[in-house]
Amino acid sequence: MTSIPEEFHELFEKETYAHVATMTPEDTPHVTPVWVDYDAEADRLLMNTERERRKEKNLSNDSRIGVSMVDPDDPYRHLSIIGEVDEMTEEGAREHIDKLSQRYTGDDYQPEIQTERVLVKIRPDEVIVGGG
């Protein structure tokens, strides 16, 4: 296991979009953009999704994941993570999506929509950086 270098932690304070790659049951990649967060204390990348979304179903079947993000202020500065999901939980997921939404939009996450949220915690096994 490896950690995300400290000089890249500020990417998780900006409106940095990530692309996550999961594997379908047919063993084909599925890539989707997501809001992303990082718990430095636990050394876990965090993302949030709705229950029964394609990525949640894929990760329930195969916990391997790839994540790539580019610094919104410098397109040559990037971070890629190959890892594994070590927890998917509903606990704290609604609060987490509101926190992400505040960072990305300035508002709570669509309060009129009360879907079942899932907080996905990703253990980084390999971290690749560029331009940092």
N, C-alpha and C. Protein backbone atom coordinates (compact mmCIF):
# COMPACT_ATOMS: atom_id res chain seq x y z
N MET A 1 0.84 -1.18 0.00
CA MET A 1 0.00 0.00 0.00
C MET A 1 0.89 1.24 0.00
N THR A 2 0.40 2.30 -0.63
CA THR A 2 1.13 3.55 -0.70
C THR A 2 0.17 4.69 -0.38
N SER A 3 0.69 5.83 -0.06
CA SER A 3 -0.13 6.99 0.29
C SER A 3 -0.11 8.03 -0.82
N ILE A 4 -1.08 8.89 -0.80
CA ILE A 4 -1.12 10.01 -1.71
C ILE A 4 -0.14 11.06 -1.18
N PRO A 5 0.82 11.50 -1.98
CA PRO A 5 1.81 12.47 -1.51
C PRO A 5 1.14 13.74 -0.98
N GLU A 6 1.69 14.25 0.10
CA GLU A 6 1.11 15.42 0.75
C GLU A 6 0.98 16.62 -0.19
N GLU A 7 1.92 16.77 -1.13
CA GLU A 7 1.84 17.91 -2.05
C GLU A 7 0.66 17.82 -3.02
N PHE A 8 -0.05 16.70 -3.01
CA PHE A 8 -1.26 16.55 -3.84
C PHE A 8 -2.55 16.62 -3.02
N HIS A 9 -2.46 16.74 -1.71
CA HIS A 9 -3.65 16.76 -0.87
C HIS A 9 -4.58 17.93 -1.20
N GLU A 10 -4.00 19.06 -1.63
CA GLU A 10 -4.86 20.21 -1.89
C GLU A 10 -5.78 19.99 -3.09
N LEU A 11 -5.52 18.98 -3.90
CA LEU A 11 -6.46 18.65 -4.99
C LEU A 11 -7.84 18.32 -4.45
N PHE A 12 -7.87 17.85 -3.21
CA PHE A 12 -9.14 17.44 -2.60
C PHE A 12 -9.82 18.59 -1.86
N GLU A 13 -9.29 19.78 -2.03
CA GLU A 13 -9.92 20.99 -1.49
C GLU A 13 -10.47 21.85 -2.62
N LYS A 14 -10.17 21.48 -3.86
CA LYS A 14 -10.62 22.20 -5.05
C LYS A 14 -11.78 21.44 -5.70
N GLU A 15 -12.28 22.02 -6.78
CA GLU A 15 -13.30 21.35 -7.59
C GLU A 15 -12.59 20.42 -8.58
N THR A 16 -11.88 19.44 -8.05
CA THR A 16 -11.15 18.49 -8.87
C THR A 16 -12.06 17.31 -9.19
N TYR A 17 -12.31 17.10 -10.45
CA TYR A 17 -13.12 15.96 -10.87
C TYR A 17 -12.21 14.76 -11.11
N ALA A 18 -12.69 13.62 -10.75
CA ALA A 18 -11.95 12.38 -10.99
C ALA A 18 -12.73 11.51 -11.95
N HIS A 19 -12.03 10.63 -12.61
CA HIS A 19 -12.67 9.59 -13.41
C HIS A 19 -12.33 8.27 -12.74
N VAL A 20 -13.34 7.47 -12.47
CA VAL A 20 -13.12 6.17 -11.85
C VAL A 20 -13.43 5.08 -12.86
N ALA A 21 -12.60 4.05 -12.82
CA ALA A 21 -12.79 2.89 -13.69
C ALA A 21 -13.09 1.69 -12.81
N THR A 22 -14.21 1.06 -13.09
CA THR A 22 -14.60 -0.18 -12.42
C THR A 22 -14.79 -1.25 -13.48
N MET A 23 -14.89 -2.49 -13.05
CA MET A 23 -15.06 -3.59 -14.00
C MET A 23 -16.48 -4.14 -13.91
N THR A 24 -17.10 -4.31 -15.07
CA THR A 24 -18.46 -4.87 -15.12
C THR A 24 -18.39 -6.38 -14.90
N PRO A 25 -19.53 -7.01 -14.63
CA PRO A 25 -19.53 -8.47 -14.52
C PRO A 25 -19.06 -9.18 -15.79
N GLU A 26 -19.15 -8.49 -16.94
CA GLU A 26 -18.68 -9.05 -18.21
C GLU A 26 -17.18 -8.80 -18.40
N ASP A 27 -16.53 -8.24 -17.38
CA ASP A 27 -15.09 -7.97 -17.38
C ASP A 27 -14.69 -6.90 -18.40
N THR A 28 -15.55 -5.90 -18.56
CA THR A 28 -15.23 -4.75 -19.39
C THR A 28 -15.17 -3.51 -18.49
N PRO A 29 -14.33 -2.54 -18.84
CA PRO A 29 -14.21 -1.36 -17.99
C PRO A 29 -15.41 -0.43 -18.13
N HIS A 30 -15.74 0.19 -17.02
CA HIS A 30 -16.77 1.23 -16.98
C HIS A 30 -16.12 2.44 -16.33
N VAL A 31 -16.09 3.58 -17.04
CA VAL A 31 -15.44 4.78 -16.55
C VAL A 31 -16.48 5.88 -16.41
N THR A 32 -16.43 6.59 -15.28
CA THR A 32 -17.40 7.64 -15.04
C THR A 32 -16.76 8.78 -14.23
N PRO A 33 -17.16 10.03 -14.49
CA PRO A 33 -16.64 11.14 -13.69
C PRO A 33 -17.34 11.19 -12.33
N VAL A 34 -16.59 11.59 -11.31
CA VAL A 34 -17.16 11.69 -9.95
C VAL A 34 -16.53 12.86 -9.21
N TRP A 35 -17.23 13.31 -8.17
CA TRP A 35 -16.63 14.19 -7.17
C TRP A 35 -15.79 13.30 -6.29
N VAL A 36 -14.70 13.83 -5.77
CA VAL A 36 -13.77 13.00 -5.03
C VAL A 36 -13.30 13.71 -3.76
N ASP A 37 -12.92 12.93 -2.77
CA ASP A 37 -12.49 13.44 -1.47
C ASP A 37 -11.38 12.54 -0.96
N TYR A 38 -10.70 12.98 0.08
CA TYR A 38 -9.60 12.19 0.64
C TYR A 38 -9.61 12.32 2.15
N ASP A 39 -9.54 11.19 2.84
CA ASP A 39 -9.38 11.14 4.29
C ASP A 39 -7.91 10.84 4.55
N ALA A 40 -7.13 11.90 4.79
CA ALA A 40 -5.68 11.75 4.96
C ALA A 40 -5.34 10.92 6.19
N GLU A 41 -6.13 11.06 7.24
CA GLU A 41 -5.86 10.31 8.47
C GLU A 41 -5.98 8.80 8.24
N ALA A 42 -7.00 8.40 7.50
CA ALA A 42 -7.21 6.97 7.22
C ALA A 42 -6.50 6.55 5.94
N ASP A 43 -5.97 7.50 5.19
CA ASP A 43 -5.35 7.26 3.89
C ASP A 43 -6.31 6.52 2.96
N ARG A 44 -7.50 7.10 2.81
CA ARG A 44 -8.52 6.53 1.94
C ARG A 44 -9.07 7.61 1.02
N LEU A 45 -9.12 7.30 -0.26
CA LEU A 45 -9.81 8.13 -1.23
C LEU A 45 -11.30 7.87 -1.03
N LEU A 46 -12.11 8.91 -1.12
CA LEU A 46 -13.55 8.76 -0.88
C LEU A 46 -14.34 9.23 -2.09
N MET A 47 -15.36 8.47 -2.41
CA MET A 47 -16.34 8.92 -3.40
C MET A 47 -17.71 8.53 -2.89
N ASN A 48 -18.73 9.06 -3.52
CA ASN A 48 -20.09 8.88 -3.04
C ASN A 48 -20.96 8.58 -4.24
N THR A 49 -21.86 7.64 -4.09
CA THR A 49 -22.74 7.28 -5.19
C THR A 49 -24.10 6.86 -4.64
N GLU A 50 -25.03 6.66 -5.53
CA GLU A 50 -26.35 6.15 -5.15
C GLU A 50 -26.32 4.63 -5.15
N ARG A 51 -27.09 4.06 -4.26
CA ARG A 51 -27.27 2.61 -4.26
C ARG A 51 -27.85 2.21 -5.61
N GLU A 52 -27.35 1.11 -6.15
CA GLU A 52 -27.81 0.52 -7.42
C GLU A 52 -27.29 1.23 -8.66
N ARG A 53 -26.43 2.23 -8.52
CA ARG A 53 -25.79 2.81 -9.70
C ARG A 53 -24.81 1.79 -10.26
N ARG A 54 -24.46 1.95 -11.51
CA ARG A 54 -23.58 0.99 -12.18
C ARG A 54 -22.26 0.80 -11.43
N LYS A 55 -21.64 1.90 -11.00
CA LYS A 55 -20.34 1.76 -10.32
C LYS A 55 -20.49 1.06 -8.97
N GLU A 56 -21.59 1.30 -8.27
CA GLU A 56 -21.81 0.62 -6.99
C GLU A 56 -22.02 -0.87 -7.21
N LYS A 57 -22.78 -1.22 -8.22
CA LYS A 57 -22.98 -2.64 -8.55
C LYS A 57 -21.66 -3.29 -8.96
N ASN A 58 -20.89 -2.59 -9.82
CA ASN A 58 -19.61 -3.14 -10.26
C ASN A 58 -18.68 -3.38 -9.07
N LEU A 59 -18.60 -2.41 -8.16
CA LEU A 59 -17.69 -2.52 -7.01
C LEU A 59 -18.15 -3.57 -6.01
N SER A 60 -19.44 -3.83 -5.95
CA SER A 60 -19.95 -4.91 -5.09
C SER A 60 -19.51 -6.26 -5.63
N ASN A 61 -19.32 -6.34 -6.93
CA ASN A 61 -18.92 -7.57 -7.60
C ASN A 61 -17.39 -7.73 -7.68
N ASP A 62 -16.68 -6.60 -7.85
CA ASP A 62 -15.22 -6.61 -8.03
C ASP A 62 -14.69 -5.31 -7.43
N SER A 63 -13.97 -5.40 -6.34
CA SER A 63 -13.57 -4.20 -5.58
C SER A 63 -12.37 -3.45 -6.16
N ARG A 64 -11.80 -3.94 -7.25
CA ARG A 64 -10.68 -3.22 -7.87
C ARG A 64 -11.18 -1.94 -8.53
N ILE A 65 -10.34 -0.88 -8.44
CA ILE A 65 -10.75 0.42 -8.98
C ILE A 65 -9.54 1.21 -9.43
N GLY A 66 -9.73 2.00 -10.46
CA GLY A 66 -8.72 2.94 -10.91
C GLY A 66 -9.32 4.34 -10.85
N VAL A 67 -8.52 5.30 -10.43
CA VAL A 67 -8.99 6.68 -10.30
C VAL A 67 -7.94 7.59 -10.93
N SER A 68 -8.39 8.55 -11.72
CA SER A 68 -7.49 9.51 -12.34
C SER A 68 -8.08 10.90 -12.18
N MET A 69 -7.21 11.86 -11.85
CA MET A 69 -7.67 13.24 -11.74
C MET A 69 -6.58 14.18 -12.22
N VAL A 70 -7.02 15.35 -12.69
CA VAL A 70 -6.12 16.38 -13.20
C VAL A 70 -6.37 17.64 -12.39
N ASP A 71 -5.30 18.31 -11.99
CA ASP A 71 -5.42 19.57 -11.26
C ASP A 71 -6.18 20.56 -12.14
N PRO A 72 -7.30 21.12 -11.65
CA PRO A 72 -8.06 22.06 -12.48
C PRO A 72 -7.29 23.34 -12.80
N ASP A 73 -6.22 23.62 -12.05
CA ASP A 73 -5.42 24.81 -12.29
C ASP A 73 -4.17 24.55 -13.13
N ASP A 74 -3.85 23.28 -13.36
CA ASP A 74 -2.65 22.92 -14.12
C ASP A 74 -2.88 21.55 -14.77
N PRO A 75 -3.28 21.53 -16.03
CA PRO A 75 -3.63 20.27 -16.68
C PRO A 75 -2.47 19.28 -16.83
N TYR A 76 -1.23 19.73 -16.55
CA TYR A 76 -0.09 18.82 -16.63
C TYR A 76 0.22 18.18 -15.29
N ARG A 77 -0.51 18.57 -14.25
CA ARG A 77 -0.33 18.01 -12.91
C ARG A 77 -1.47 17.03 -12.66
N HIS A 78 -1.13 15.78 -12.45
CA HIS A 78 -2.17 14.77 -12.35
C HIS A 78 -1.82 13.72 -11.31
N LEU A 79 -2.84 12.98 -10.95
CA LEU A 79 -2.73 11.94 -9.94
C LEU A 79 -3.57 10.75 -10.39
N SER A 80 -2.98 9.57 -10.37
CA SER A 80 -3.71 8.34 -10.70
C SER A 80 -3.53 7.35 -9.56
N ILE A 81 -4.59 6.66 -9.25
CA ILE A 81 -4.56 5.70 -8.14
C ILE A 81 -5.11 4.37 -8.63
N ILE A 82 -4.40 3.32 -8.33
CA ILE A 82 -4.90 1.97 -8.53
C ILE A 82 -5.10 1.41 -7.13
N GLY A 83 -6.28 0.92 -6.87
CA GLY A 83 -6.54 0.47 -5.51
C GLY A 83 -7.69 -0.49 -5.42
N GLU A 84 -8.18 -0.60 -4.22
CA GLU A 84 -9.27 -1.52 -3.94
C GLU A 84 -10.21 -0.86 -2.94
N VAL A 85 -11.49 -1.07 -3.15
CA VAL A 85 -12.48 -0.58 -2.20
C VAL A 85 -12.44 -1.49 -0.99
N ASP A 86 -12.21 -0.89 0.18
CA ASP A 86 -12.21 -1.73 1.37
C ASP A 86 -13.45 -1.51 2.23
N GLU A 87 -14.30 -0.54 1.84
CA GLU A 87 -15.57 -0.37 2.55
C GLU A 87 -16.53 0.41 1.70
N MET A 88 -17.78 -0.03 1.70
CA MET A 88 -18.90 0.72 1.12
C MET A 88 -19.96 0.74 2.21
N THR A 89 -20.34 1.95 2.62
CA THR A 89 -21.25 2.09 3.74
C THR A 89 -22.26 3.20 3.50
N GLU A 90 -23.43 3.04 4.07
CA GLU A 90 -24.43 4.09 4.05
C GLU A 90 -24.21 5.05 5.21
N GLU A 91 -23.49 4.61 6.22
CA GLU A 91 -23.24 5.44 7.41
C GLU A 91 -22.42 6.67 7.03
N GLY A 92 -22.99 7.83 7.27
CA GLY A 92 -22.32 9.10 6.97
C GLY A 92 -22.35 9.50 5.51
N ALA A 93 -22.98 8.68 4.66
CA ALA A 93 -22.96 8.96 3.21
C ALA A 93 -23.76 10.20 2.85
N ARG A 94 -24.90 10.43 3.46
CA ARG A 94 -25.72 11.61 3.15
C ARG A 94 -24.96 12.88 3.56
N GLU A 95 -24.34 12.87 4.73
CA GLU A 95 -23.57 14.03 5.18
C GLU A 95 -22.37 14.27 4.25
N HIS A 96 -21.75 13.17 3.80
CA HIS A 96 -20.59 13.28 2.92
C HIS A 96 -20.98 13.88 1.57
N ILE A 97 -22.12 13.48 1.00
CA ILE A 97 -22.50 14.04 -0.30
C ILE A 97 -22.82 15.52 -0.16
N ASP A 98 -23.36 15.94 0.99
CA ASP A 98 -23.60 17.36 1.23
C ASP A 98 -22.28 18.12 1.31
N LYS A 99 -21.28 17.55 1.98
CA LYS A 99 -19.95 18.17 2.07
C LYS A 99 -19.34 18.33 0.67
N LEU A 100 -19.41 17.28 -0.13
CA LEU A 100 -18.88 17.35 -1.50
C LEU A 100 -19.64 18.39 -2.32
N SER A 101 -20.95 18.40 -2.20
CA SER A 101 -21.76 19.33 -2.96
C SER A 101 -21.45 20.78 -2.58
N GLN A 102 -21.18 21.01 -1.30
CA GLN A 102 -20.80 22.36 -0.87
C GLN A 102 -19.51 22.79 -1.58
N ARG A 103 -18.55 21.88 -1.68
CA ARG A 103 -17.28 22.21 -2.35
C ARG A 103 -17.47 22.44 -3.84
N TYR A 104 -18.25 21.58 -4.48
CA TYR A 104 -18.37 21.65 -5.94
C TYR A 104 -19.43 22.63 -6.43
N THR A 105 -20.49 22.86 -5.64
CA THR A 105 -21.58 23.72 -6.11
C THR A 105 -21.91 24.88 -5.19
N GLY A 106 -21.46 24.81 -3.93
CA GLY A 106 -21.80 25.85 -2.96
C GLY A 106 -23.10 25.61 -2.23
N ASP A 107 -23.79 24.50 -2.53
CA ASP A 107 -25.07 24.17 -1.90
C ASP A 107 -25.08 22.72 -1.44
N ASP A 108 -26.03 22.40 -0.54
CA ASP A 108 -26.24 21.01 -0.17
C ASP A 108 -26.70 20.24 -1.40
N TYR A 109 -26.54 18.93 -1.35
CA TYR A 109 -26.86 18.09 -2.50
C TYR A 109 -28.36 17.91 -2.64
N GLN A 110 -28.91 18.49 -3.66
CA GLN A 110 -30.32 18.31 -4.03
C GLN A 110 -31.17 17.79 -2.87
N PRO A 111 -31.46 18.64 -1.88
CA PRO A 111 -32.16 18.16 -0.67
C PRO A 111 -33.53 17.53 -0.95
N GLU A 112 -34.13 17.89 -2.08
CA GLU A 112 -35.44 17.29 -2.39
C GLU A 112 -35.30 15.84 -2.85
N ILE A 113 -34.10 15.42 -3.19
CA ILE A 113 -33.87 14.04 -3.61
C ILE A 113 -33.23 13.29 -2.44
N GLN A 114 -33.92 12.32 -1.91
CA GLN A 114 -33.45 11.57 -0.75
C GLN A 114 -33.16 10.11 -1.12
N THR A 115 -32.28 9.92 -2.08
CA THR A 115 -31.93 8.57 -2.48
C THR A 115 -31.00 7.95 -1.45
N GLU A 116 -30.89 6.65 -1.50
CA GLU A 116 -29.97 5.93 -0.62
C GLU A 116 -28.55 6.15 -1.14
N ARG A 117 -27.71 6.78 -0.31
CA ARG A 117 -26.34 7.09 -0.70
C ARG A 117 -25.37 6.05 -0.14
N VAL A 118 -24.25 5.89 -0.83
CA VAL A 118 -23.21 4.95 -0.42
C VAL A 118 -21.88 5.70 -0.43
N LEU A 119 -21.17 5.66 0.69
CA LEU A 119 -19.84 6.22 0.81
C LEU A 119 -18.84 5.11 0.49
N VAL A 120 -17.99 5.35 -0.50
CA VAL A 120 -17.04 4.36 -0.98
C VAL A 120 -15.64 4.77 -0.52
N LYS A 121 -14.97 3.87 0.22
CA LYS A 121 -13.64 4.14 0.74
C LYS A 121 -12.63 3.28 -0.01
N ILE A 122 -11.66 3.95 -0.61
CA ILE A 122 -10.71 3.29 -1.53
C ILE A 122 -9.31 3.31 -0.93
N ARG A 123 -8.73 2.14 -0.83
CA ARG A 123 -7.35 1.98 -0.35
C ARG A 123 -6.42 2.14 -1.56
N PRO A 124 -5.52 3.14 -1.53
CA PRO A 124 -4.58 3.28 -2.65
C PRO A 124 -3.46 2.26 -2.55
N ASP A 125 -3.34 1.40 -3.54
CA ASP A 125 -2.26 0.41 -3.60
C ASP A 125 -1.09 0.90 -4.44
N GLU A 126 -1.40 1.72 -5.43
CA GLU A 126 -0.36 2.31 -6.28
C GLU A 126 -0.77 3.72 -6.60
N VAL A 127 0.14 4.67 -6.44
CA VAL A 127 -0.12 6.07 -6.72
C VAL A 127 0.90 6.54 -7.75
N ILE A 128 0.38 7.14 -8.83
CA ILE A 128 1.22 7.65 -9.90
C ILE A 128 0.96 9.15 -9.98
N VAL A 129 2.01 9.95 -9.92
CA VAL A 129 1.85 11.40 -9.98
C VAL A 129 2.61 11.94 -11.18
N GLY A 130 2.16 13.09 -11.62
CA GLY A 130 2.86 13.76 -12.70
C GLY A 130 2.78 15.26 -12.53
N GLY A 131 3.83 15.93 -12.88
CA GLY A 131 3.84 17.38 -12.83
C GLY A 131 3.86 18.00 -11.45
N GLY A 132 4.06 17.21 -10.43
CA GLY A 132 4.03 17.73 -9.05
C GLY A 132 5.36 17.99 -8.55
